[in-house]
């Protein structure tokens, strides 16, 4: 067969050039699909691996922010990560730590808002909420918002000296009534707590002021006082 091919090639010099392109074409038909498959594998792996790498990088950045107490920025990244690793638990941790910082800064309303989102997160939440409510109630009391303060102290039940602070709210409210010349209202409140602080003396003071200012009235209350 080889001799026959040699004879054909000698008799037809163009035969070799005719056969060579066909061989090259066959090789190309084999190589091109292999290259396409190889590139496809690279692309598929890139699509699969790159998002994971980005998520891991972002997650590690969030952990660094937590370490440096930049909880708000960490929450933003972790929220974007969704269900990646333990991102949701880390968000709760960040919110809790933020709440503690707000308590330290005496922003009790802000801290309470965060803590209410975290009920059940740990056993300290309820205690921290009580601290916030008590402190908010004290601020209301100092600002003269006695009804709001009293409401919060009542909700606190046996926490700290809340029950005594309820009396303090009533007492200060009565004093504000005396200052506002609402003597009968003040006397009504003080009469329910005669043993508290200077309540008895303030009752007498309110009666005296009422009578002094209503001498010409000659009404039943003036005669009674």
Protein backbone atom coordinates (compact mmCIF):
# COMPACT_ATOMS: atom_id res chain seq x y z
CA UNK A 1 0.00 0.00 0.00
CA UNK A 2 2.88 2.36 0.86
CA UNK A 3 4.58 1.65 -2.46
CA UNK A 4 1.33 2.29 -4.26
CA UNK A 5 0.97 5.64 -2.43
CA UNK A 6 4.53 6.58 -3.37
CA UNK A 7 3.84 5.79 -7.02
CA UNK A 8 0.67 7.87 -6.92
CA UNK A 9 2.58 10.75 -5.31
CA UNK A 10 5.34 10.54 -7.96
CA UNK A 11 2.83 10.45 -10.80
CA UNK A 12 0.77 13.29 -9.21
CA UNK A 13 2.95 15.92 -7.41
CA UNK A 14 -0.12 17.93 -6.46
CA UNK A 15 -1.57 15.00 -4.56
CA UNK A 16 0.34 15.82 -1.34
CA UNK A 17 -0.80 19.42 -1.26
CA UNK A 18 -4.33 18.21 -1.80
CA UNK A 19 -4.24 15.81 1.13
CA UNK A 20 -2.44 18.14 3.66
CA UNK A 21 -5.23 20.76 4.12
CA UNK A 22 -7.72 17.99 4.84
CA UNK A 23 -5.51 16.69 7.64
CA UNK A 24 -5.18 20.19 9.10
CA UNK A 25 -8.91 20.70 8.86
CA UNK A 26 -9.54 17.49 10.78
CA UNK A 27 -7.18 18.61 13.55
CA UNK A 28 -8.98 21.95 13.81
CA UNK A 29 -12.30 20.18 14.13
CA UNK A 30 -10.94 18.27 17.13
CA UNK A 31 -9.04 21.13 18.86
CA UNK A 32 -11.74 23.84 18.65
CA UNK A 33 -14.40 21.87 20.58
CA UNK A 34 -11.78 21.01 23.24
CA UNK A 35 -10.93 24.70 23.63
CA UNK A 36 -14.62 25.62 23.85
CA UNK A 37 -15.22 23.01 26.55
CA UNK A 38 -12.15 24.17 28.48
CA UNK A 39 -13.23 27.82 28.35
CA UNK A 40 -16.76 26.84 29.36
CA UNK A 41 -15.41 24.99 32.42
CA UNK A 42 -13.39 28.07 33.42
CA UNK A 43 -16.41 30.35 33.01
CA UNK A 44 -18.72 28.05 34.98
CA UNK A 45 -16.21 27.76 37.83
CA UNK A 46 -15.71 31.52 37.84
CA UNK A 47 -19.46 32.09 38.03
CA UNK A 48 -19.68 29.60 40.89
CA UNK A 49 -16.61 30.64 42.88
CA UNK A 50 -16.37 34.43 42.46
CA UNK A 51 -19.63 35.28 44.33
CA UNK A 52 -18.53 33.04 47.20
CA UNK A 53 -15.16 34.75 47.33
CA UNK A 54 -16.80 38.19 47.34
CA UNK A 55 -19.22 37.13 50.10
CA UNK A 56 -16.37 35.74 52.20
CA UNK A 57 -14.40 38.97 51.77
CA UNK A 58 -17.41 41.08 52.75
CA UNK A 59 -18.14 38.84 55.74
CA UNK A 60 -14.55 39.17 56.99
CA UNK A 61 -14.81 42.96 56.59
CA UNK A 62 -17.93 42.91 58.77
CA UNK A 63 -16.10 40.92 61.44
CA UNK A 64 -13.30 43.48 61.45
CA UNK A 65 -15.87 46.28 61.88
CA UNK A 66 -17.42 44.41 64.81
CA UNK A 67 -13.98 44.04 66.36
CA UNK A 68 -13.49 47.82 66.10
CA UNK A 69 -17.04 48.45 67.48
CA UNK A 70 -18.34 49.92 64.21
CA UNK A 71 -21.58 48.01 64.64
CA UNK A 72 -23.79 50.11 62.38
CA UNK A 73 -21.49 49.66 59.36
CA UNK A 74 -21.17 45.96 60.14
CA UNK A 75 -24.97 45.61 60.17
CA UNK A 76 -25.19 47.17 56.70
CA UNK A 77 -22.75 44.62 55.24
CA UNK A 78 -24.27 41.66 57.07
CA UNK A 79 -27.76 42.64 55.93
CA UNK A 80 -26.55 42.59 52.31
CA UNK A 81 -25.07 39.10 52.87
CA UNK A 82 -28.47 37.69 53.81
CA UNK A 83 -28.23 34.03 54.79
CA UNK A 84 -24.45 33.78 54.30
CA UNK A 85 -22.80 31.91 57.20
CA UNK A 86 -24.14 33.28 60.54
CA UNK A 87 -24.77 36.82 59.25
CA UNK A 88 -28.23 37.04 60.84
CA UNK A 89 -26.88 36.11 64.28
CA UNK A 90 -24.08 38.62 63.88
CA UNK A 91 -26.67 41.31 63.09
CA UNK A 92 -28.38 40.57 66.41
CA UNK A 93 -25.05 40.72 68.20
CA UNK A 94 -24.31 44.10 66.60
CA UNK A 95 -27.71 45.50 67.54
CA UNK A 96 -27.27 44.33 71.12
CA UNK A 97 -23.82 45.90 71.40
CA UNK A 98 -25.19 49.11 69.84
CA UNK A 99 -27.94 49.13 72.46
CA UNK A 100 -25.34 48.85 75.24
CA UNK A 101 -23.43 51.79 73.76
CA UNK A 102 -26.63 53.85 73.63
CA UNK A 103 -27.38 53.04 77.29
CA UNK A 104 -23.86 54.16 78.17
CA UNK A 105 -24.49 57.39 76.25
CA UNK A 106 -27.85 57.77 78.10
CA UNK A 107 -29.85 57.48 74.89
CA UNK A 108 -32.35 55.19 76.57
CA UNK A 109 -35.12 55.60 73.99
CA UNK A 110 -32.78 54.58 71.18
CA UNK A 111 -31.49 51.63 73.19
CA UNK A 112 -35.04 50.53 74.03
CA UNK A 113 -35.96 50.53 70.33
CA UNK A 114 -33.08 48.16 69.51
CA UNK A 115 -33.70 45.93 72.52
CA UNK A 116 -37.36 45.51 71.60
CA UNK A 117 -36.20 44.05 68.27
CA UNK A 118 -34.05 41.52 70.14
CA UNK A 119 -36.48 40.02 72.65
CA UNK A 120 -35.40 36.46 73.34
CA UNK A 121 -31.86 37.06 72.03
CA UNK A 122 -30.38 36.55 75.49
CA UNK A 123 -31.39 36.57 79.16
CA UNK A 124 -30.16 40.14 79.68
CA UNK A 125 -32.62 41.78 77.30
CA UNK A 126 -35.47 42.16 79.82
CA UNK A 127 -33.13 43.60 82.46
CA UNK A 128 -31.71 46.10 79.98
CA UNK A 129 -35.24 47.09 78.95
CA UNK A 130 -36.11 47.73 82.59
CA UNK A 131 -33.01 49.93 82.94
CA UNK A 132 -34.15 51.90 79.90
CA UNK A 133 -37.74 52.27 81.09
CA UNK A 134 -36.65 53.33 84.57
CA UNK A 135 -34.23 55.92 83.17
CA UNK A 136 -36.83 57.23 80.70
CA UNK A 137 -39.34 57.53 83.55
CA UNK A 138 -36.81 59.50 85.62
CA UNK A 139 -36.29 61.88 82.70
CA UNK A 140 -40.05 62.37 82.35
CA UNK A 141 -40.23 63.11 86.06
CA UNK A 142 -37.43 65.69 85.87
CA UNK A 143 -39.14 67.37 82.91
CA UNK A 144 -42.43 67.63 84.77
CA UNK A 145 -44.20 64.97 82.69
CA UNK A 146 -45.57 63.32 85.82
CA UNK A 147 -48.33 61.24 84.25
CA UNK A 148 -45.97 59.64 81.72
CA UNK A 149 -43.39 58.99 84.41
CA UNK A 150 -45.96 57.44 86.73
CA UNK A 151 -47.24 55.19 83.94
CA UNK A 152 -43.76 53.80 83.26
CA UNK A 153 -42.96 53.31 86.96
CA UNK A 154 -46.19 51.35 87.34
CA UNK A 155 -45.25 49.13 84.41
CA UNK A 156 -41.91 48.42 86.10
CA UNK A 157 -43.66 46.87 89.10
CA UNK A 158 -41.12 45.77 91.71
CA UNK A 159 -38.08 46.91 89.75
CA UNK A 160 -35.77 48.96 91.96
CA UNK A 161 -37.57 51.72 93.85
CA UNK A 162 -40.28 52.10 91.19
CA UNK A 163 -43.09 51.97 93.76
CA UNK A 164 -41.54 54.81 95.72
CA UNK A 165 -41.05 56.76 92.51
CA UNK A 166 -44.80 56.48 91.81
CA UNK A 167 -45.36 58.38 95.05
CA UNK A 168 -42.70 60.89 94.06
CA UNK A 169 -44.57 61.51 90.80
CA UNK A 170 -47.79 62.22 92.68
CA UNK A 171 -45.99 64.41 95.20
CA UNK A 172 -44.27 66.54 92.58
CA UNK A 173 -47.48 66.79 90.59
CA UNK A 174 -49.21 68.15 93.70
CA UNK A 175 -46.42 70.70 94.20
CA UNK A 176 -46.79 71.82 90.60
CA UNK A 177 -50.53 72.30 91.25
CA UNK A 178 -49.72 74.52 94.25
CA UNK A 179 -47.41 76.59 92.06
CA UNK A 180 -50.14 76.82 89.46
CA UNK A 181 -52.65 77.86 92.14
CA UNK A 182 -54.66 74.67 91.71
CA UNK A 183 -54.90 74.23 95.46
CA UNK A 184 -57.86 71.88 95.66
CA UNK A 185 -56.27 69.46 93.16
CA UNK A 186 -52.99 69.56 95.11
CA UNK A 187 -54.75 68.94 98.43
CA UNK A 188 -56.68 66.02 96.92
CA UNK A 189 -53.43 64.30 95.88
CA UNK A 190 -51.48 65.10 99.03
CA UNK A 191 -54.28 63.84 101.25
CA UNK A 192 -53.69 60.30 99.91
CA UNK A 193 -50.03 60.38 100.96
CA UNK A 194 -49.83 62.40 104.17
CA UNK A 195 -46.84 60.45 105.49
CA UNK A 196 -44.77 60.94 102.35
CA UNK A 197 -42.04 63.57 102.54
CA UNK A 198 -43.55 66.96 103.50
CA UNK A 199 -47.05 66.15 102.27
CA UNK A 200 -48.79 67.23 105.50
CA UNK A 201 -47.03 70.58 105.55
CA UNK A 202 -47.83 71.13 101.88
CA UNK A 203 -51.52 70.41 102.56
CA UNK A 204 -51.59 73.16 105.16
CA UNK A 205 -49.71 75.48 102.83
CA UNK A 206 -52.18 74.84 100.00
CA UNK A 207 -55.15 75.43 102.32
CA UNK A 208 -53.66 78.66 103.62
CA UNK A 209 -52.98 79.95 100.11
CA UNK A 210 -56.49 79.01 98.99
CA UNK A 211 -58.14 80.79 101.88
CA UNK A 212 -55.90 83.85 101.50
CA UNK A 213 -56.78 84.19 97.84
CA UNK A 214 -60.48 83.48 98.33
CA UNK A 215 -61.34 85.42 101.51
CA UNK A 216 -64.11 87.32 99.82
CA UNK A 217 -65.60 84.24 98.23
CA UNK A 218 -67.14 82.87 101.42
CA UNK A 219 -67.75 79.54 99.72
CA UNK A 220 -67.94 76.12 101.32
CA UNK A 221 -64.31 75.28 100.51
CA UNK A 222 -62.99 78.49 102.10
CA UNK A 223 -64.95 77.81 105.29
CA UNK A 224 -63.77 74.19 105.30
CA UNK A 225 -60.10 75.13 105.00
